[in-house]
Amino acid sequence: DRYDAERPVFEHPKSPLGLVEVDNRACTGCGTCAGACPTGALEFERERGEVSLTFDPRLCVACDKCMAVCPEAEARAVQVCRATDIAELASGRRIVYRDRENLCEACGVPIAPSGMLGRIATLLGTEDAALALQLTRFCVECRSNARVQ
């Protein structure tokens, strides 16, 4: 248990509730975890050039589906622990991840969160630097319509 008088947290393998933690260095902001969440405890939102992932501990049943579908599971981007945290329950929904969403330089439509584009560039490495540059600057339509060089 992480119990202390200031912030009682009760961890137990049979807890009916869960706590989700997101590692902002590993998460790419794809939203896959929120799409897999059957209760809506995790929600993915896009608004004004930003993406955010929010968590409501009152809805989490610690099913671990978010962890199972996370493309960055190896880096432990999303973790769930079976626990009851009184302060978390009282606070309600909160933002657990936020990132800027890159826009296409040609047409202005959203491409992807900065974290995701950074991850793609890392995976492509220096051998495909030109491709990485195209992927991070232009949307699929502009790349395929040869609007960009």
Protein backbone atom coordinates (compact mmCIF):
# COMPACT_ATOMS: atom_id res chain seq x y z
CA ASP A 1 0.00 0.00 0.00
CA ARG A 2 0.96 3.59 -0.62
CA TYR A 3 -1.13 4.60 2.38
CA ASP A 4 -0.33 7.70 4.36
CA ALA A 5 -2.56 9.94 6.44
CA GLU A 6 -2.26 12.81 3.96
CA ARG A 7 -3.24 10.80 0.89
CA PRO A 8 -4.73 7.36 1.51
CA VAL A 9 -4.11 4.99 -1.40
CA PHE A 10 -5.11 1.36 -1.02
CA GLU A 11 -3.43 -1.00 -3.51
CA HIS A 12 -4.90 -4.49 -3.65
CA PRO A 13 -5.05 -7.13 -6.41
CA LYS A 14 -8.83 -7.46 -5.88
CA SER A 15 -9.57 -3.73 -5.91
CA PRO A 16 -12.59 -3.00 -8.12
CA LEU A 17 -10.97 0.29 -9.17
CA GLY A 18 -7.81 1.22 -10.97
CA LEU A 19 -5.41 4.11 -11.30
CA VAL A 20 -3.93 4.94 -14.67
CA GLU A 21 -0.53 6.56 -14.94
CA VAL A 22 0.86 7.91 -18.21
CA ASP A 23 4.56 8.45 -18.82
CA ASN A 24 4.63 11.66 -20.84
CA ARG A 25 8.09 10.83 -22.20
CA ALA A 26 6.91 7.51 -23.66
CA CYS A 27 3.33 8.36 -24.69
CA THR A 28 2.93 9.53 -28.28
CA GLY A 29 -0.63 10.81 -27.92
CA CYS A 30 -2.18 8.36 -30.37
CA GLY A 31 -5.33 7.86 -28.26
CA THR A 32 -5.46 4.10 -28.82
CA CYS A 33 -5.77 3.48 -25.07
CA ALA A 34 -8.85 5.70 -24.84
CA GLY A 35 -10.43 3.91 -27.78
CA ALA A 36 -10.01 0.59 -25.98
CA CYS A 37 -11.35 1.83 -22.63
CA PRO A 38 -14.79 0.20 -22.16
CA THR A 39 -15.92 2.55 -19.39
CA GLY A 40 -14.76 5.93 -20.70
CA ALA A 41 -12.29 6.35 -17.84
CA LEU A 42 -9.76 7.38 -20.49
CA GLU A 43 -10.86 9.90 -23.10
CA PHE A 44 -8.90 11.35 -26.03
CA GLU A 45 -9.67 14.90 -27.11
CA ARG A 46 -8.53 17.16 -29.95
CA GLU A 47 -9.03 20.87 -29.58
CA ARG A 48 -7.38 24.03 -30.96
CA GLY A 49 -4.12 22.44 -32.04
CA GLU A 50 -3.75 20.25 -28.96
CA VAL A 51 -4.47 16.66 -28.07
CA SER A 52 -5.12 15.51 -24.54
CA LEU A 53 -5.77 12.28 -22.73
CA THR A 54 -7.93 12.55 -19.64
CA PHE A 55 -8.57 10.05 -16.86
CA ASP A 56 -11.52 9.70 -14.49
CA PRO A 57 -10.69 7.30 -11.62
CA ARG A 58 -14.39 6.93 -10.75
CA LEU A 59 -14.88 5.02 -14.02
CA CYS A 60 -11.75 2.85 -14.11
CA VAL A 61 -12.30 -0.87 -13.45
CA ALA A 62 -8.61 -1.79 -13.93
CA CYS A 63 -9.34 -4.04 -16.90
CA ASP A 64 -5.86 -3.28 -18.37
CA LYS A 65 -7.25 -2.99 -21.91
CA CYS A 66 -5.49 0.36 -22.29
CA MET A 67 -2.14 -1.25 -21.55
CA ALA A 68 -2.81 -4.18 -23.90
CA VAL A 69 -3.38 -1.98 -26.97
CA CYS A 70 -0.76 0.70 -26.32
CA PRO A 71 1.78 0.83 -29.18
CA GLU A 72 4.34 2.07 -26.65
CA ALA A 73 3.69 -0.72 -24.13
CA GLU A 74 7.33 -1.77 -24.18
CA ALA A 75 8.24 1.71 -22.93
CA ARG A 76 5.46 1.45 -20.32
CA ALA A 77 3.67 4.56 -21.59
CA VAL A 78 0.42 3.55 -19.86
CA GLN A 79 0.29 1.68 -16.57
CA VAL A 80 -2.66 0.55 -14.46
CA CYS A 81 -2.57 -0.41 -10.84
CA ARG A 82 -5.48 -1.89 -8.91
CA ALA A 83 -5.96 0.66 -6.19
CA THR A 84 -8.38 3.01 -4.54
CA ASP A 85 -7.17 6.57 -4.07
CA ILE A 86 -9.67 8.66 -2.11
CA ALA A 87 -8.17 11.99 -3.24
CA GLU A 88 -8.22 10.90 -6.92
CA LEU A 89 -11.84 9.78 -6.65
CA ALA A 90 -12.81 13.14 -5.16
CA SER A 91 -10.96 15.16 -7.80
CA GLY A 92 -12.66 13.57 -10.81
CA ARG A 93 -11.44 13.73 -14.41
CA ARG A 94 -7.98 15.17 -14.97
CA ILE A 95 -5.55 15.57 -17.86
CA VAL A 96 -2.85 12.87 -17.83
CA TYR A 97 -1.24 13.75 -21.19
CA ARG A 98 -1.23 16.85 -23.36
CA ASP A 99 0.68 17.64 -26.53
CA ARG A 100 0.70 20.07 -29.42
CA GLU A 101 -0.76 18.75 -32.65
CA ASN A 102 1.31 19.51 -35.74
CA LEU A 103 -0.54 21.01 -38.69
CA CYS A 104 0.17 20.46 -42.37
CA GLU A 105 2.34 23.27 -43.70
CA ALA A 106 0.50 23.19 -47.05
CA CYS A 107 -3.19 23.02 -46.07
CA GLY A 108 -3.34 23.43 -42.28
CA VAL A 109 -5.13 20.20 -41.34
CA PRO A 110 -3.96 18.30 -38.25
CA ILE A 111 -1.28 15.68 -38.91
CA ALA A 112 -0.46 14.14 -35.54
CA PRO A 113 0.75 15.02 -32.04
CA SER A 114 4.37 16.14 -31.75
CA GLY A 115 5.23 13.11 -29.61
CA MET A 116 4.02 10.73 -32.29
CA LEU A 117 5.91 12.50 -35.05
CA GLY A 118 9.04 12.46 -32.93
CA ARG A 119 8.65 8.73 -32.38
CA ILE A 120 8.19 8.14 -36.12
CA ALA A 121 11.33 10.17 -36.87
CA THR A 122 13.25 8.12 -34.29
CA LEU A 123 12.05 4.85 -35.81
CA LEU A 124 12.99 5.97 -39.32
CA GLY A 125 16.40 7.19 -38.17
CA THR A 126 18.91 9.10 -40.21
CA GLU A 127 18.65 6.73 -43.17
CA ASP A 128 15.16 8.02 -43.97
CA ALA A 129 15.57 11.61 -42.77
CA ALA A 130 13.93 13.03 -45.91
CA LEU A 131 10.88 10.82 -45.43
CA ALA A 132 10.72 11.73 -41.74
CA LEU A 133 10.78 15.41 -42.69
CA GLN A 134 7.90 14.93 -45.14
CA LEU A 135 5.86 12.97 -42.58
CA THR A 136 6.27 15.62 -39.91
CA ARG A 137 5.48 18.60 -42.13
CA PHE A 138 2.67 17.51 -44.47
CA CYS A 139 -0.60 15.56 -44.28
CA VAL A 140 -1.22 12.39 -46.28
CA GLU A 141 -3.30 14.17 -48.91
CA CYS A 142 -0.74 16.89 -49.57
CA ARG A 143 2.08 14.34 -49.78
CA SER A 144 0.10 12.10 -52.16
CA ASN A 145 -1.12 14.98 -54.35
CA ALA A 146 2.47 16.13 -54.88
CA ARG A 147 1.68 19.57 -53.46
CA VAL A 148 5.02 19.40 -51.72
CA GLN A 149 8.50 18.71 -52.98
